[in-house]
């Protein structure tokens, strides 16, 4: 599967952005997915995850209550809605996919669990 992330940009603190991850190549329902972010000199960190059915979602403590992850398998898309952005949210954001083995959803909450990565989209929050 190929992943294409988009929607990053420059926003003032308190503002909102909507990131999109579009998948192609294989049926998207085959994959559990997550969003991660990375800043220079730091390891890639977990932001949010959603199981292949969309029935379960998980968030890092730092974004809980501000970010919302969702997916539309018919459109092969995962969305990360980011509200009340803070300066510390500045990073390159990556979507990742884990090919599921069965019917039970898998939580993609660590970079080591990702099988496929998108190219990243830069989010800059000005204070």
C-alpha atoms as a PDB file:
ATOM      1  CA  UNK A   1       0.000   0.000   0.000  1.00  0.00           C
ATOM      2  CA  UNK A   2       1.159   3.563  -0.720  1.00  0.00           C
ATOM      3  CA  UNK A   3       0.304   6.365   1.680  1.00  0.00           C
ATOM      4  CA  UNK A   4       0.144  10.063   0.851  1.00  0.00           C
ATOM      5  CA  UNK A   5      -0.155  12.550   3.703  1.00  0.00           C
ATOM      6  CA  UNK A   6      -1.331  16.115   3.157  1.00  0.00           C
ATOM      7  CA  UNK A   7      -2.863  19.074   4.951  1.00  0.00           C
ATOM      8  CA  UNK A   8       0.077  20.438   6.892  1.00  0.00           C
ATOM      9  CA  UNK A   9       0.875  24.117   7.032  1.00  0.00           C
ATOM     10  CA  UNK A  10       1.465  27.160   9.211  1.00  0.00           C
ATOM     11  CA  UNK A  11      -1.136  28.036  11.835  1.00  0.00           C
ATOM     12  CA  UNK A  12      -1.285  30.229  14.892  1.00  0.00           C
ATOM     13  CA  UNK A  13      -1.553  28.727  18.338  1.00  0.00           C
ATOM     14  CA  UNK A  14      -5.173  27.917  19.088  1.00  0.00           C
ATOM     15  CA  UNK A  15      -5.941  27.262  15.451  1.00  0.00           C
ATOM     16  CA  UNK A  16      -6.878  24.083  13.620  1.00  0.00           C
ATOM     17  CA  UNK A  17      -5.581  21.903  10.819  1.00  0.00           C
ATOM     18  CA  UNK A  18      -6.930  18.801   9.144  1.00  0.00           C
ATOM     19  CA  UNK A  19      -4.438  16.205   7.990  1.00  0.00           C
ATOM     20  CA  UNK A  20      -5.386  13.587   5.454  1.00  0.00           C
ATOM     21  CA  UNK A  21      -3.720  10.293   4.602  1.00  0.00           C
ATOM     22  CA  UNK A  22      -4.789   8.758   1.310  1.00  0.00           C
ATOM     23  CA  UNK A  23      -4.021   5.112   0.602  1.00  0.00           C
ATOM     24  CA  UNK A  24      -3.670   3.392  -2.734  1.00  0.00           C
ATOM     25  CA  UNK A  25      -2.631   0.009  -4.016  1.00  0.00           C
ATOM     26  CA  UNK A  26      -4.589  -2.264  -1.709  1.00  0.00           C
ATOM     27  CA  UNK A  27      -7.952  -2.150   0.088  1.00  0.00           C
ATOM     28  CA  UNK A  28      -7.531   0.174   3.017  1.00  0.00           C
ATOM     29  CA  UNK A  29      -9.699  -1.965   5.267  1.00  0.00           C
ATOM     30  CA  UNK A  30      -6.793  -4.414   5.345  1.00  0.00           C
ATOM     31  CA  UNK A  31      -4.820  -2.001   7.541  1.00  0.00           C
ATOM     32  CA  UNK A  32      -4.934  -0.600  11.031  1.00  0.00           C
ATOM     33  CA  UNK A  33      -3.499   2.912  10.981  1.00  0.00           C
ATOM     34  CA  UNK A  34      -1.903   5.598  13.084  1.00  0.00           C
ATOM     35  CA  UNK A  35      -0.477   9.086  13.016  1.00  0.00           C
ATOM     36  CA  UNK A  36       2.952   9.872  14.345  1.00  0.00           C
ATOM     37  CA  UNK A  37       5.108  12.990  14.515  1.00  0.00           C
ATOM     38  CA  UNK A  38       8.756  13.828  14.651  1.00  0.00           C
ATOM     39  CA  UNK A  39      10.881  16.875  15.399  1.00  0.00           C
ATOM     40  CA  UNK A  40      14.581  17.270  14.607  1.00  0.00           C
ATOM     41  CA  UNK A  41      16.803  15.292  16.932  1.00  0.00           C
ATOM     42  CA  UNK A  42      13.937  13.353  18.471  1.00  0.00           C
ATOM     43  CA  UNK A  43      12.436   9.957  17.857  1.00  0.00           C
ATOM     44  CA  UNK A  44       9.173   9.587  16.017  1.00  0.00           C
ATOM     45  CA  UNK A  45       6.337   9.534  18.530  1.00  0.00           C
ATOM     46  CA  UNK A  46       2.803   8.228  18.574  1.00  0.00           C
ATOM     47  CA  UNK A  47      -0.064  10.692  18.164  1.00  0.00           C
ATOM     48  CA  UNK A  48      -3.255   8.751  17.413  1.00  0.00           C
ATOM     49  CA  UNK A  49      -4.404   5.362  16.152  1.00  0.00           C
ATOM     50  CA  UNK A  50      -7.557   3.873  14.723  1.00  0.00           C
ATOM     51  CA  UNK A  51      -8.388   0.233  14.103  1.00  0.00           C
ATOM     52  CA  UNK A  52      -9.375  -0.997  10.650  1.00  0.00           C
ATOM     53  CA  UNK A  53     -13.090  -0.872  11.379  1.00  0.00           C
ATOM     54  CA  UNK A  54     -12.847   2.587  12.879  1.00  0.00           C
ATOM     55  CA  UNK A  55     -14.433   1.169  15.992  1.00  0.00           C
ATOM     56  CA  UNK A  56     -11.574   1.957  18.378  1.00  0.00           C
ATOM     57  CA  UNK A  57      -9.390   5.016  18.630  1.00  0.00           C
ATOM     58  CA  UNK A  58      -6.416   5.845  20.833  1.00  0.00           C
ATOM     59  CA  UNK A  59      -4.533   9.041  21.563  1.00  0.00           C
ATOM     60  CA  UNK A  60      -1.330  10.169  23.128  1.00  0.00           C
ATOM     61  CA  UNK A  61      -1.936  12.017  26.382  1.00  0.00           C
ATOM     62  CA  UNK A  62      -0.496  15.190  24.884  1.00  0.00           C
ATOM     63  CA  UNK A  63      -3.228  15.423  22.226  1.00  0.00           C
ATOM     64  CA  UNK A  64      -6.186  13.826  24.026  1.00  0.00           C
ATOM     65  CA  UNK A  65      -9.207  16.104  23.802  1.00  0.00           C
ATOM     66  CA  UNK A  66      -7.724  18.250  21.025  1.00  0.00           C
ATOM     67  CA  UNK A  67      -7.126  15.810  18.155  1.00  0.00           C
ATOM     68  CA  UNK A  68      -9.591  13.448  16.519  1.00  0.00           C
ATOM     69  CA  UNK A  69      -8.701  10.539  14.247  1.00  0.00           C
ATOM     70  CA  UNK A  70     -11.211   9.046  11.843  1.00  0.00           C
ATOM     71  CA  UNK A  71     -11.231   6.963   8.696  1.00  0.00           C
ATOM     72  CA  UNK A  72     -13.349   6.278   5.642  1.00  0.00           C
ATOM     73  CA  UNK A  73     -12.485   2.882   4.163  1.00  0.00           C
ATOM     74  CA  UNK A  74     -14.666   3.515   1.118  1.00  0.00           C
ATOM     75  CA  UNK A  75     -12.502   6.541   0.322  1.00  0.00           C
ATOM     76  CA  UNK A  76      -9.244   4.923   1.509  1.00  0.00           C
ATOM     77  CA  UNK A  77      -8.577   7.865   3.797  1.00  0.00           C
ATOM     78  CA  UNK A  78      -7.571   8.525   7.383  1.00  0.00           C
ATOM     79  CA  UNK A  79      -8.117  11.977   8.835  1.00  0.00           C
ATOM     80  CA  UNK A  80      -6.483  13.690  11.789  1.00  0.00           C
ATOM     81  CA  UNK A  81      -8.433  16.747  12.892  1.00  0.00           C
ATOM     82  CA  UNK A  82      -6.230  18.926  15.075  1.00  0.00           C
ATOM     83  CA  UNK A  83      -7.842  21.657  17.145  1.00  0.00           C
ATOM     84  CA  UNK A  84      -6.462  24.102  19.714  1.00  0.00           C
ATOM     85  CA  UNK A  85      -2.983  23.616  18.345  1.00  0.00           C
ATOM     86  CA  UNK A  86      -0.028  24.438  20.536  1.00  0.00           C
ATOM     87  CA  UNK A  87       3.516  25.463  19.700  1.00  0.00           C
ATOM     88  CA  UNK A  88       4.728  22.061  20.896  1.00  0.00           C
ATOM     89  CA  UNK A  89       2.598  20.360  18.232  1.00  0.00           C
ATOM     90  CA  UNK A  90       5.043  21.647  15.620  1.00  0.00           C
ATOM     91  CA  UNK A  91       6.485  18.612  13.833  1.00  0.00           C
ATOM     92  CA  UNK A  92       6.461  16.559  10.681  1.00  0.00           C
ATOM     93  CA  UNK A  93       3.418  14.319  10.838  1.00  0.00           C
ATOM     94  CA  UNK A  94       3.436  10.836   9.336  1.00  0.00           C
ATOM     95  CA  UNK A  95       0.670   8.369   8.750  1.00  0.00           C
ATOM     96  CA  UNK A  96       1.494   4.702   9.150  1.00  0.00           C
ATOM     97  CA  UNK A  97      -0.286   1.456   8.379  1.00  0.00           C
ATOM     98  CA  UNK A  98      -0.072  -2.024   9.851  1.00  0.00           C
ATOM     99  CA  UNK A  99      -1.375  -4.900   7.786  1.00  0.00           C
ATOM    100  CA  UNK A 100      -3.803  -6.796   9.939  1.00  0.00           C
ATOM    101  CA  UNK A 101      -3.674 -10.581  10.285  1.00  0.00           C
ATOM    102  CA  UNK A 102      -7.258 -11.201  11.341  1.00  0.00           C
ATOM    103  CA  UNK A 103     -10.541  -9.586  12.121  1.00  0.00           C
ATOM    104  CA  UNK A 104      -9.533  -8.095  15.463  1.00  0.00           C
ATOM    105  CA  UNK A 105      -8.280  -4.521  15.365  1.00  0.00           C
ATOM    106  CA  UNK A 106      -4.660  -3.745  16.172  1.00  0.00           C
ATOM    107  CA  UNK A 107      -3.470  -0.594  17.894  1.00  0.00           C
ATOM    108  CA  UNK A 108      -0.680   1.023  15.914  1.00  0.00           C
ATOM    109  CA  UNK A 109       0.773   3.026  18.774  1.00  0.00           C
ATOM    110  CA  UNK A 110       4.500   2.590  18.199  1.00  0.00           C
ATOM    111  CA  UNK A 111       6.666   3.261  15.134  1.00  0.00           C
ATOM    112  CA  UNK A 112       8.029  -0.299  15.263  1.00  0.00           C
ATOM    113  CA  UNK A 113       4.507  -1.608  14.563  1.00  0.00           C
ATOM    114  CA  UNK A 114       4.185   0.271  11.278  1.00  0.00           C
ATOM    115  CA  UNK A 115       4.639  -1.678   8.037  1.00  0.00           C
ATOM    116  CA  UNK A 116       4.156   1.248   5.650  1.00  0.00           C
ATOM    117  CA  UNK A 117       4.811   4.974   6.039  1.00  0.00           C
ATOM    118  CA  UNK A 118       3.565   8.022   4.230  1.00  0.00           C
ATOM    119  CA  UNK A 119       6.029  10.759   3.274  1.00  0.00           C
ATOM    120  CA  UNK A 120       5.175  13.215   6.052  1.00  0.00           C
ATOM    121  CA  UNK A 121       3.571  16.635   6.142  1.00  0.00           C
ATOM    122  CA  UNK A 122       4.955  19.592   8.089  1.00  0.00           C
ATOM    123  CA  UNK A 123       2.835  21.295  10.733  1.00  0.00           C
ATOM    124  CA  UNK A 124       4.157  24.573  12.118  1.00  0.00           C
ATOM    125  CA  UNK A 125       2.372  26.285  14.990  1.00  0.00           C
ATOM    126  CA  UNK A 126       3.403  29.840  15.733  1.00  0.00           C
ATOM    127  CA  UNK A 127       3.148  31.054  19.299  1.00  0.00           C
END
